[in-house]
Protein backbone atom coordinates (compact mmCIF):
# COMPACT_ATOMS: atom_id res chain seq x y z
CA MET A 1 87.16 64.17 108.48
CA GLU A 2 83.85 66.04 108.17
CA LYS A 3 81.18 63.95 106.49
CA THR A 4 79.65 65.00 103.17
CA ILE A 5 76.22 63.49 102.56
CA LEU A 6 74.20 64.02 99.39
CA HIS A 7 70.44 63.48 99.43
CA LEU A 8 68.63 63.03 96.12
CA ALA A 9 64.85 62.97 95.96
CA ILE A 10 62.35 62.48 93.15
CA ASP A 11 59.07 63.45 94.79
CA ASN A 12 56.11 61.14 94.17
CA ILE A 13 58.20 58.92 91.92
CA CYS A 14 55.55 56.18 91.72
CA LEU A 15 52.97 58.67 90.45
CA GLU A 16 55.49 60.18 88.04
CA LEU A 17 56.42 56.78 86.63
CA GLU A 18 52.78 55.87 86.08
CA ALA A 19 52.27 59.17 84.23
CA LEU A 20 55.29 58.44 82.05
CA ARG A 21 53.93 54.99 81.25
CA ASN A 22 50.45 56.34 80.52
CA PRO A 23 50.54 59.99 79.30
CA ARG A 24 46.74 60.20 79.67
CA LEU A 25 47.25 60.38 83.43
CA LYS A 26 49.12 63.70 83.15
CA LYS A 27 45.88 65.49 82.24
CA ASN A 28 43.57 63.67 84.64
CA PRO A 29 43.30 63.26 88.42
CA PHE A 30 44.44 59.79 89.48
CA VAL A 31 45.41 57.85 92.58
CA LEU A 32 47.34 54.72 93.38
CA ALA A 33 45.12 52.21 95.18
CA PRO A 34 44.25 48.49 95.07
CA LEU A 35 41.22 47.55 93.01
CA ASN A 36 38.92 46.31 95.76
CA ASN A 37 35.84 47.59 97.56
CA ARG A 38 37.60 48.61 100.78
CA ALA A 39 40.75 50.05 99.23
CA VAL A 40 42.24 53.32 100.42
CA VAL A 41 44.32 55.85 98.52
CA GLN A 42 48.07 55.20 98.76
CA ALA A 43 49.17 58.23 96.71
CA ALA A 44 47.31 61.06 94.99
CA SER A 45 48.38 63.06 91.95
CA PRO A 46 48.45 66.89 92.19
CA ARG A 47 45.15 67.14 90.27
CA ALA A 48 43.57 64.63 92.66
CA SER A 49 44.95 66.53 95.66
CA ASP A 50 43.32 69.70 94.33
CA CYS A 51 40.00 67.86 94.67
CA GLY A 52 40.64 67.24 98.37
CA ILE A 53 41.84 63.67 97.93
CA HIS A 54 44.71 62.49 100.14
CA PRO A 55 46.52 59.25 101.11
CA GLY A 56 44.53 57.16 103.57
CA MET A 57 41.15 58.25 102.19
CA PRO A 58 38.80 55.42 101.16
CA VAL A 59 38.61 55.17 97.38
CA SER A 60 34.80 55.17 97.56
CA ILE A 61 34.87 58.65 99.12
CA ALA A 62 37.57 59.84 96.72
CA LYS A 63 35.40 58.86 93.74
CA LYS A 64 32.50 60.88 95.15
CA ARG A 65 34.72 63.93 95.46
CA CYS A 66 36.04 63.53 91.92
CA ARG A 67 33.81 61.77 89.40
CA SER A 68 36.59 61.65 86.78
CA LEU A 69 39.09 60.07 89.16
CA ILE A 70 41.23 57.28 87.68
CA VAL A 71 42.32 54.50 90.06
CA VAL A 72 45.64 52.88 89.15
CA PRO A 73 46.71 49.69 91.00
CA PRO A 74 50.26 50.01 92.41
CA ASP A 75 52.90 48.17 90.37
CA THR A 76 55.82 47.72 92.77
CA SER A 77 57.82 45.55 90.37
CA PHE A 78 57.69 48.35 87.79
CA TYR A 79 58.80 50.95 90.34
CA SER A 80 61.53 48.64 91.66
CA THR A 81 63.05 48.33 88.19
CA TYR A 82 63.64 52.09 88.07
CA GLN A 83 64.70 52.20 91.70
CA LYS A 84 67.45 49.67 90.98
CA LYS A 85 68.60 51.59 87.90
CA LEU A 86 68.92 54.81 89.90
CA PHE A 87 70.73 53.01 92.71
CA GLN A 88 73.23 51.44 90.31
CA ARG A 89 73.87 54.81 88.69
CA LEU A 90 74.65 56.37 92.09
CA MET A 91 77.07 53.54 92.85
CA SER A 92 79.38 55.09 90.21
CA PHE A 93 79.69 58.12 92.50
CA SER A 94 80.28 56.26 95.77
CA PRO A 95 80.08 52.69 97.09
CA LEU A 96 78.09 54.05 100.05
CA VAL A 97 74.53 54.54 98.80
CA GLU A 98 71.41 54.12 100.95
CA ILE A 99 67.84 53.83 99.68
CA SER A 100 65.70 56.01 101.93
CA SER A 101 62.35 55.33 100.25
CA TRP A 102 60.88 55.29 96.75
CA GLY A 103 62.96 57.68 94.64
CA LYS A 104 65.03 58.95 97.58
CA PHE A 105 68.68 58.18 98.25
CA TYR A 106 71.61 59.12 100.47
CA VAL A 107 75.12 59.12 99.02
CA ASP A 108 78.26 59.43 101.16
CA LEU A 109 80.61 61.68 99.17
CA THR A 110 83.19 61.97 101.95
CA GLY A 111 86.70 61.94 100.48
CA THR A 112 85.56 61.96 96.84
CA LYS A 113 86.42 65.59 96.02
CA ARG A 114 89.61 64.74 94.13
CA LEU A 115 87.76 62.19 92.01
CA LEU A 116 84.35 63.85 91.57
CA GLY A 117 85.08 67.50 92.27
CA ASP A 118 82.96 69.71 94.50
CA PRO A 119 79.95 67.92 96.10
CA VAL A 120 77.55 70.38 94.49
CA ASP A 121 79.00 69.56 91.06
CA ALA A 122 78.54 65.85 91.82
CA ALA A 123 74.93 66.57 92.81
CA TYR A 124 74.20 68.37 89.55
CA LYS A 125 75.83 65.56 87.59
CA SER A 126 73.71 62.92 89.35
CA GLN A 127 70.55 64.96 88.69
CA LYS A 128 71.43 65.11 85.00
CA GLN A 129 71.95 61.34 84.90
CA PHE A 130 68.65 60.74 86.71
CA LYS A 131 66.81 62.81 84.11
CA GLU A 132 68.52 60.97 81.24
CA LEU A 133 67.68 57.62 82.80
CA THR A 134 64.06 58.19 83.79
CA GLY A 135 62.96 61.52 82.37
CA LEU A 136 62.28 62.65 85.96
CA GLU A 137 63.78 65.60 87.82
CA ALA A 138 65.39 65.23 91.25
CA LYS A 139 66.00 67.69 94.08
CA ALA A 140 69.32 67.58 95.91
CA GLY A 141 70.69 68.63 99.28
CA VAL A 142 74.26 68.48 100.60
CA GLY A 143 75.16 68.54 104.29
CA THR A 144 77.26 66.96 107.01
CA ASN A 145 74.55 64.45 107.98
CA LYS A 146 71.46 62.77 106.56
CA LEU A 147 68.96 64.99 108.38
CA VAL A 148 70.40 68.27 107.11
CA SER A 149 70.86 67.05 103.54
CA GLN A 150 67.31 65.68 103.46
CA ILE A 151 65.75 68.91 104.70
CA ALA A 152 67.96 70.96 102.37
CA ALA A 153 66.63 69.00 99.41
CA THR A 154 63.03 69.89 100.33
CA LEU A 155 63.77 73.62 100.11
CA VAL A 156 64.77 73.77 96.45
CA PRO A 157 62.93 73.10 93.17
CA PRO A 158 63.79 70.08 90.99
CA LEU A 159 67.19 70.19 89.26
CA ASP A 160 68.52 72.55 91.93
CA VAL A 161 70.90 71.92 94.84
CA CYS A 162 70.94 73.33 98.38
CA GLU A 163 74.26 73.05 100.24
CA VAL A 164 74.61 73.57 103.99
CA PHE A 165 78.20 74.32 104.93
CA PRO A 166 79.84 72.54 107.88
CA GLY A 167 79.28 74.43 111.14
CA SER A 168 76.20 76.29 109.90
CA GLU A 169 73.67 73.53 110.59
CA SER A 170 71.95 75.19 113.57
CA ARG A 171 71.71 78.54 111.74
CA PHE A 172 70.26 76.77 108.71
CA MET A 173 67.66 74.95 110.81
CA ALA A 174 66.68 77.86 113.11
CA PRO A 175 64.08 79.65 110.90
CA LEU A 176 62.40 76.46 109.68
CA ASN A 177 59.02 75.21 110.89
CA PRO A 178 59.21 72.14 113.19
CA GLN A 179 57.03 70.26 110.70
CA VAL A 180 60.07 69.79 108.44
CA LEU A 181 61.50 67.32 110.96
CA PRO A 182 60.91 63.66 110.07
CA GLY A 183 58.56 61.86 112.44
CA ILE A 184 56.67 64.91 113.73
CA GLY A 185 53.12 63.63 114.14
CA PRO A 186 49.86 65.43 114.94
CA VAL A 187 50.20 65.00 118.72
CA THR A 188 53.71 66.47 118.86
CA ARG A 189 52.69 69.20 116.41
CA LYS A 190 49.78 70.18 118.66
CA ARG A 191 51.96 70.31 121.77
CA LEU A 192 54.51 72.50 120.00
CA GLN A 193 51.72 74.85 118.91
CA GLU A 194 50.46 75.04 122.50
CA LEU A 195 53.96 76.12 123.53
CA ASN A 196 53.98 78.68 120.67
CA ILE A 197 57.03 76.99 119.17
CA THR A 198 56.84 78.04 115.53
CA SER A 199 60.46 77.54 114.51
CA LEU A 200 63.29 75.13 115.18
CA GLY A 201 65.29 77.99 116.67
CA LYS A 202 62.57 78.46 119.30
CA LEU A 203 62.47 74.70 119.90
CA ALA A 204 66.21 74.61 120.52
CA GLY A 205 65.92 77.55 122.93
CA VAL A 206 63.19 76.14 125.20
CA PRO A 207 64.53 75.19 128.67
CA ASN A 208 65.04 71.45 129.13
CA GLU A 209 62.55 71.05 131.97
CA ILE A 210 59.72 72.72 130.03
CA LEU A 211 60.43 70.75 126.88
CA LYS A 212 60.63 67.46 128.79
CA ALA A 213 57.36 68.16 130.61
CA ALA A 214 55.61 68.77 127.28
CA LEU A 215 57.22 66.12 125.11
CA GLY A 216 58.57 63.51 127.52
CA HIS A 217 61.74 61.58 126.83
CA SER A 218 61.67 62.51 123.14
CA SER A 219 62.50 66.13 124.03
CA THR A 220 66.28 65.58 123.95
CA TYR A 221 66.06 63.86 120.59
CA LEU A 222 63.91 66.65 119.12
CA ARG A 223 66.29 69.31 120.43
CA ASP A 224 69.20 67.58 118.71
CA LEU A 225 67.24 67.48 115.47
CA ALA A 226 66.39 71.17 115.82
CA LEU A 227 70.12 71.92 116.09
CA GLY A 228 70.82 69.97 112.91
CA LYS A 229 72.37 66.95 114.63
CA GLY A 230 71.61 63.78 112.73
CA GLU A 231 72.89 60.38 111.69
CA THR A 232 75.96 60.40 109.46
CA GLU A 233 76.21 56.69 108.68
CA VAL A 234 74.97 55.71 105.21
CA HIS A 235 73.67 52.13 105.33
CA THR A 236 74.18 50.25 102.10
CA PRO A 237 71.96 47.27 101.19
CA ILE A 238 73.80 44.14 102.27
CA SER A 239 73.23 40.85 100.51
CA VAL A 240 72.69 38.54 103.46
CA PRO A 241 70.75 35.26 103.50
CA ARG A 242 67.19 35.90 104.61
CA ILE A 243 63.72 34.49 104.20
CA CYS A 244 60.86 36.93 103.67
CA VAL A 245 57.14 36.21 103.96
CA LYS A 246 54.75 38.84 102.59
CA TRP A 247 51.17 38.47 103.81
CA PRO A 248 48.67 40.89 102.18
CA LEU A 249 45.43 41.03 104.16
CA PRO A 250 42.25 40.17 102.20
CA GLU A 251 40.59 43.07 104.05
CA GLU A 252 42.47 45.95 105.66
CA SER A 253 42.00 45.91 109.42
CA ASN A 254 43.06 47.59 112.65
CA ASP A 255 41.44 44.93 114.85
CA ARG A 256 44.30 43.65 117.00
CA GLU A 257 42.86 40.15 117.45
CA MET A 258 42.34 39.83 113.71
CA LEU A 259 45.90 41.04 113.06
CA LEU A 260 47.27 38.52 115.55
CA ALA A 261 45.39 35.79 113.72
CA HIS A 262 47.08 36.86 110.49
CA ILE A 263 50.43 36.95 112.31
CA MET A 264 49.86 33.30 113.22
CA GLY A 265 49.40 32.69 109.49
CA THR A 266 52.76 34.30 108.72
CA SER A 267 54.33 32.28 111.55
CA GLU A 268 53.08 29.02 110.08
CA LYS A 269 54.19 29.92 106.58
CA LEU A 270 57.64 31.08 107.71
CA GLY A 271 58.13 28.05 109.96
CA TYR A 272 57.14 25.66 107.17
CA GLN A 273 59.68 27.26 104.82
CA LEU A 274 62.43 27.24 107.46
CA ARG A 275 61.93 23.56 108.19
CA LYS A 276 61.95 22.70 104.49
CA GLU A 277 65.33 24.45 104.16
CA ASN A 278 66.57 23.07 107.51
CA ARG A 279 67.42 26.48 108.93
CA ILE A 280 67.18 28.22 112.29
CA PRO A 281 67.08 32.04 112.35
CA TYR A 282 68.37 33.97 115.34
CA ARG A 283 66.80 37.26 114.26
CA ILE A 284 63.23 37.88 113.16
CA SER A 285 61.49 41.11 112.16
CA LEU A 286 57.91 42.23 111.58
CA GLU A 287 56.88 45.12 109.34
CA LEU A 288 53.37 46.58 109.29
CA VAL A 289 52.27 48.28 106.06
CA TYR A 290 49.37 50.66 106.75
CA SER A 291 46.55 51.65 104.42
CA ASP A 292 48.02 55.16 104.07
CA GLY A 293 51.37 53.77 102.89
CA ALA A 294 53.23 54.33 106.18
CA ARG A 295 55.30 51.50 107.64
CA THR A 296 56.55 50.51 111.08
CA ARG A 297 59.11 47.82 111.73
CA GLY A 298 60.54 46.01 114.72
CA GLN A 299 62.88 43.09 115.24
CA LYS A 300 64.20 40.78 117.92
CA THR A 301 67.38 38.74 118.22
CA VAL A 302 67.19 35.56 120.29
CA SER A 303 69.93 33.44 121.84
CA GLU A 304 68.09 30.10 121.72
CA ALA A 305 67.44 28.04 118.60
CA LEU A 306 63.64 28.16 118.84
CA LEU A 307 62.54 30.12 115.80
CA TYR A 308 61.82 27.25 113.45
CA LEU A 309 58.70 26.06 115.30
CA ASP A 310 55.48 27.94 114.51
CA HIS A 311 54.49 28.49 118.14
CA PHE A 312 57.75 30.17 119.13
CA ILE A 313 57.83 32.24 115.93
CA PHE A 314 54.31 33.46 116.77
CA LEU A 315 55.21 34.35 120.37
CA THR A 316 58.20 36.38 119.15
CA LEU A 317 56.20 38.17 116.45
CA LYS A 318 53.39 38.83 118.93
CA GLU A 319 55.87 40.55 121.24
CA ILE A 320 57.20 42.68 118.38
CA PHE A 321 53.65 43.50 117.22
CA ARG A 322 52.62 44.80 120.64
CA ARG A 323 55.73 46.96 120.70
CA ILE A 324 55.34 48.58 117.28
CA CYS A 325 51.57 48.70 116.66
CA LYS A 326 50.74 52.15 118.04
CA ARG A 327 48.67 53.65 115.21
CA ARG A 328 44.91 53.26 114.76
CA VAL A 329 45.20 53.19 110.97
CA ARG A 330 44.19 49.96 109.25
CA VAL A 331 46.94 47.54 108.23
CA ARG A 332 46.98 46.20 104.68
CA GLU A 333 50.04 43.91 104.71
CA LEU A 334 52.38 42.05 107.08
CA ILE A 335 56.00 41.39 106.14
CA VAL A 336 58.08 38.97 108.21
CA ARG A 337 61.82 38.43 107.70
CA ALA A 338 64.12 35.83 109.22
CA GLU A 339 67.91 36.04 109.13
CA LYS A 340 71.16 35.18 110.95
CA PHE A 341 70.76 31.48 110.27
CA SER A 342 72.54 28.66 112.07
CA THR A 343 73.46 25.15 110.99
CA PRO A 344 70.92 22.25 110.90
CA PHE A 345 69.02 21.77 114.12
CA ARG A 346 68.43 18.08 114.71
CA GLN A 347 70.55 17.72 117.89
CA LEU A 348 67.78 17.99 120.48
CA SER A 349 70.07 17.67 123.48
CA LEU A 350 71.67 21.03 122.70
CA PHE A 351 68.53 23.01 123.48
CA PRO A 352 68.25 24.50 126.99
CA TRP A 353 64.45 24.80 127.26
CA ASP A 354 61.98 22.36 128.84
CA GLU A 355 62.18 19.18 126.73
CA LYS A 356 58.52 18.25 127.30
CA ILE A 357 57.23 21.55 125.91
CA TYR A 358 59.67 21.36 123.04
CA GLU A 359 58.88 17.74 122.16
CA LYS A 360 55.11 18.39 122.21
CA GLU A 361 55.44 21.34 119.84
CA GLU A 362 57.91 19.46 117.63
CA LYS A 363 55.51 16.51 117.25
CA LEU A 364 52.55 18.79 116.49
CA THR A 365 54.56 20.76 113.94
CA SER A 366 55.83 17.58 112.31
CA ALA A 367 52.26 16.29 111.95
CA LEU A 368 51.13 19.58 110.40
CA ASP A 369 54.04 19.50 107.94
CA THR A 370 53.13 15.97 106.87
CA ILE A 371 49.53 16.97 106.16
CA ARG A 372 50.54 20.14 104.32
CA SER A 373 53.14 18.43 102.18
CA ARG A 374 50.47 15.96 101.05
CA TYR A 375 47.37 18.17 100.76
CA GLY A 376 48.71 21.73 100.48
CA PHE A 377 49.66 24.48 102.93
CA ASN A 378 46.09 25.70 103.53
CA SER A 379 44.70 22.20 104.15
CA ILE A 380 45.03 22.66 107.93
CA TYR A 381 45.56 25.60 110.25
CA ARG A 382 45.40 26.51 113.92
CA GLY A 383 42.21 27.59 115.65
CA ILE A 384 43.29 31.22 116.04
CA LYS A 385 42.91 31.60 112.26
CA ILE A 386 39.43 30.09 111.98
CA ASN A 387 37.56 33.40 111.67
CA ILE A 388 39.84 35.15 109.19
CA PRO A 389 39.24 35.07 105.42
CA ARG A 390 41.82 33.19 103.40
CA CYS A 391 44.55 35.27 101.77
CA LYS A 392 44.76 34.61 98.03
CA SER A 393 48.57 34.53 97.99
CA ASN A 394 48.82 32.12 100.88
């Protein structure tokens, strides 16, 4: 059966919600940014954008460009409340709902025509419910995969729906600029311009050898996107046991050694929590939150029960960090998650690694835990962290 995917998007929902909460913001330029000296803009209202202010710009520069600029600290708990309400409302249309980002959702409507009617009708109905729930207007796109439905939604005004019929994906994509594709960065954009590729139709028509020489191994992936081939699976949030450590940096940084020192901090905090709960994770992930609001994430699954000792957690996170940290933008927060837990881990003979190394690390970790349980978590830390400022939340 052909898939039917609905994409709903409320653009700049965090800004819109702040303006609803404080009507004064509707008439004034404002940005979302932390209230500290080195903060950068996370999101800019249309009036602020008209002044040349954009995400990633230091707030100090933004204030010079616009003397009347209002800086609003992000309130993620407030945004999350509305995000959950919208998600729950969409669950009445289909059990398969995926949160793409703030205010953006995918809904799998495959096989729901008898119950909900035509997909476009379901889209209009969901838009109406969104407006009743939040007062905000959503765009909608309908297609056979997530890529096509997402791009379709960008081409219509709020409260309208763009439907791409099955089999017409490549014709729909052909006249569009390559910049509509998700993940097209400045380097790829420049290379496409050098090749005079100004539309997705041209991109799809470039010979394989030329495209591969210009874009490398990503050329095949980009060609598929240009033809409207995308993922069809809608991933619903799954309630699985996990431990999450959020580590906001006192000062945003792109210094790799400094970031590794902070990663050691997250390793110690995660390890301490795991040992308190007597758990061993077999999967660990690291997410970098950049100053411009972008995020990158990587994970690793291990076969050995090592990830409850700080040292081995750090080595794993260090490997992930080197794999995913490709941007030069400053990082403002680290998020580490552990999941796929096993049973209690006190049977030392079951472990296949060198017992001497293990026992040394186990004794050191045990001593650190004893000190921290008596004097507090920050009472002692490893030497790699000696030159970093203390994080308030840690």
